Protein backbone atom coordinates (compact mmCIF):
# COMPACT_ATOMS: atom_id res chain seq x y z
CA MET A 1 8.17 11.22 -28.22
CA ASP A 2 4.68 10.44 -26.88
CA GLU A 3 5.03 7.71 -24.48
CA ARG A 4 1.39 6.29 -24.92
CA THR A 5 0.55 2.59 -25.60
CA LEU A 6 -1.36 1.82 -29.02
CA ALA A 7 -4.20 1.07 -27.23
CA GLU A 8 -4.22 4.66 -25.26
CA ALA A 9 -3.62 6.18 -28.77
CA ARG A 10 -6.42 4.32 -30.07
CA GLN A 11 -8.60 5.10 -27.32
CA TRP A 12 -7.65 8.67 -27.36
CA VAL A 13 -8.31 8.84 -31.13
CA ARG A 14 -12.08 7.43 -30.36
CA GLU A 15 -12.79 9.90 -27.67
CA ASN A 16 -11.62 12.72 -29.65
CA ARG A 17 -12.71 11.98 -33.42
CA ASP A 18 -16.09 13.69 -33.25
CA GLU A 19 -14.39 17.12 -33.14
CA GLY A 20 -11.51 15.80 -35.77
CA VAL A 21 -7.98 15.32 -34.31
CA ARG A 22 -4.45 13.72 -35.67
CA CYS A 23 -3.51 10.27 -34.89
CA PRO A 24 -0.70 10.33 -32.67
CA CYS A 25 0.88 7.09 -34.51
CA CYS A 26 0.19 8.00 -38.13
CA ASP A 27 -0.30 11.68 -38.12
CA GLN A 28 -3.90 10.60 -40.43
CA PHE A 29 -6.50 13.08 -39.78
CA ALA A 30 -9.60 11.48 -37.91
CA LYS A 31 -13.12 13.05 -38.04
CA VAL A 32 -16.67 11.48 -37.80
CA TYR A 33 -18.55 13.40 -40.36
CA LYS A 34 -22.51 13.55 -40.70
CA ARG A 35 -23.34 13.11 -44.38
CA SER A 36 -26.69 13.95 -46.09
CA LEU A 37 -28.66 12.20 -48.63
CA ASN A 38 -28.46 15.29 -51.23
CA SER A 39 -30.03 15.96 -54.50
CA GLY A 40 -26.94 14.62 -56.49
CA MET A 41 -27.29 11.09 -54.71
CA ALA A 42 -31.00 10.65 -55.14
CA TRP A 43 -30.52 11.72 -58.97
CA CYS A 44 -28.21 8.99 -59.30
CA LEU A 45 -30.28 6.63 -57.53
CA ILE A 46 -33.30 7.49 -59.73
CA LYS A 47 -31.53 7.29 -62.62
CA MET A 48 -29.95 3.61 -61.53
CA HIS A 49 -33.50 2.63 -61.09
CA ARG A 50 -34.84 3.56 -64.43
CA MET A 51 -31.76 1.71 -66.04
CA THR A 52 -31.98 -1.63 -64.36
CA ARG A 53 -34.23 -4.43 -63.63
CA ASN A 54 -34.57 -5.86 -60.27
CA ASP A 55 -31.47 -7.43 -59.32
CA GLU A 56 -29.34 -6.20 -62.30
CA PHE A 57 -25.80 -5.27 -61.68
CA ILE A 58 -24.50 -2.69 -64.08
CA TYR A 59 -21.10 -0.94 -64.57
CA THR A 60 -21.76 2.75 -63.82
CA PRO A 61 -18.80 4.53 -64.87
CA ARG A 62 -20.11 3.91 -68.40
CA VAL A 63 -23.64 5.15 -67.58
CA ILE A 64 -23.40 7.89 -64.86
CA ASP A 65 -20.83 10.22 -64.24
CA ASN A 66 -20.98 10.08 -60.42
CA SER A 67 -17.73 11.47 -58.98
CA GLY A 68 -18.30 8.99 -55.81
CA THR A 69 -21.53 10.02 -55.54
CA LEU A 70 -23.05 6.02 -56.21
CA SER A 71 -21.06 4.59 -53.63
CA LYS A 72 -22.47 6.90 -50.75
CA LEU A 73 -25.73 5.47 -50.88
CA ARG A 74 -24.61 2.20 -49.39
CA TYR A 75 -24.70 3.83 -46.37
CA TRP A 76 -28.42 4.07 -46.33
CA ASP A 77 -28.70 0.24 -48.11
CA LEU A 78 -30.00 1.87 -51.05
CA LEU A 79 -27.46 0.47 -53.42
CA GLU A 80 -25.01 -2.42 -53.05
CA GLY A 81 -22.05 -3.12 -55.24
CA ASP A 82 -18.38 -2.66 -55.14
CA GLU A 83 -15.67 -0.08 -55.52
CA ARG A 84 -14.90 -1.27 -59.07
CA GLY A 85 -18.27 0.03 -60.56
CA TRP A 86 -20.39 -2.87 -60.68
CA TRP A 87 -23.60 -1.62 -58.63
CA ARG A 88 -27.56 -2.49 -58.32
CA VAL A 89 -30.38 -0.84 -56.43
CA THR A 90 -31.52 -2.70 -53.36
CA ASN A 91 -34.83 -3.32 -52.67
CA ALA A 92 -34.89 -0.61 -50.04
CA GLY A 93 -33.65 1.63 -52.80
CA ARG A 94 -36.46 0.99 -55.42
CA ARG A 95 -38.80 1.45 -52.28
CA PHE A 96 -37.38 4.95 -51.62
CA VAL A 97 -37.53 6.07 -55.25
CA ARG A 98 -40.90 4.92 -55.63
CA ARG A 99 -41.78 7.06 -52.58
CA VAL A 100 -43.01 4.02 -50.49
CA ASP A 101 -40.28 4.51 -47.79
CA LYS A 102 -38.30 7.32 -46.16
CA VAL A 103 -35.14 7.12 -44.68
CA GLY A 104 -32.69 8.87 -42.22
CA ARG A 105 -31.44 12.08 -43.74
CA TRP A 106 -27.83 11.69 -42.18
CA ALA A 107 -25.54 8.86 -42.24
CA VAL A 108 -22.43 9.10 -39.50
CA ILE A 109 -19.34 8.08 -41.24
CA TYR A 110 -15.77 7.60 -39.55
CA ASN A 111 -12.82 6.16 -41.90
CA ASP A 112 -15.21 5.42 -44.74
CA GLU A 113 -17.30 3.07 -42.70
CA LEU A 114 -20.80 3.87 -41.55
CA LEU A 115 -21.48 4.25 -37.54
CA TYR A 116 -25.08 4.77 -37.89
CA ILE A 117 -27.86 6.54 -39.82
CA ASP A 118 -29.33 9.55 -37.71
CA ASP A 119 -33.03 8.76 -38.26
CA SER A 120 -34.11 11.88 -36.09
CA LYS A 121 -35.22 13.33 -39.35
CA GLU A 122 -36.45 11.00 -42.07
CA ILE A 123 -36.59 12.42 -45.67
CA ASP A 124 -38.10 11.19 -48.65
CA ILE A 125 -37.03 10.97 -52.41
CA VAL A 126 -38.25 14.50 -53.30
CA GLU A 127 -36.88 16.19 -50.11
CA ALA A 128 -33.65 14.34 -50.85
CA LEU A 129 -33.85 15.94 -54.64
CA ASN A 130 -33.91 19.22 -52.92
CA ASN A 131 -31.19 18.74 -50.40
CA LYS A 132 -28.29 20.63 -52.30
CA PHE A 133 -24.74 19.72 -51.40
CA ASP A 134 -23.27 22.09 -48.72
CA TYR A 135 -19.50 21.69 -48.24
CA GLU A 136 -19.37 23.97 -45.17
CA SER A 137 -22.23 21.78 -43.31
CA LEU A 138 -20.36 18.92 -44.19
CA MET A 139 -17.00 20.57 -42.76
CA ARG A 140 -18.73 21.57 -39.35
CA GLY A 141 -20.31 18.02 -39.01
CA GLU A 142 -23.72 18.77 -39.43
């Protein structure tokens, strides 16, 4: 049996989660993922923008088949809402759709929480629409 304290185990996971590790306490796989803003996300954001007024929340499962795509846009502060399906486009989201602003291409995620936006490369909505989802890239942490 491993004799580490809980604090030591947590520290070890934090130090090794970039590569991906199994937690010695609960056996959960822990990994940091770098998610790019892709064409599916951009498409959903544009559709939401066209369907709503400024601060209007809509129940998205009735109007957009998003397979969880919409919820990822919260990392960039482009949408806000809840996991029950009620979402709205933020001011930043409207500015992004209208090509007023760019955003960092990647969100760095751990345990479904945003660690930070990697803005070393910024993209606009048109670039995002041309950025196809790449499973292999996601699994490599790119």
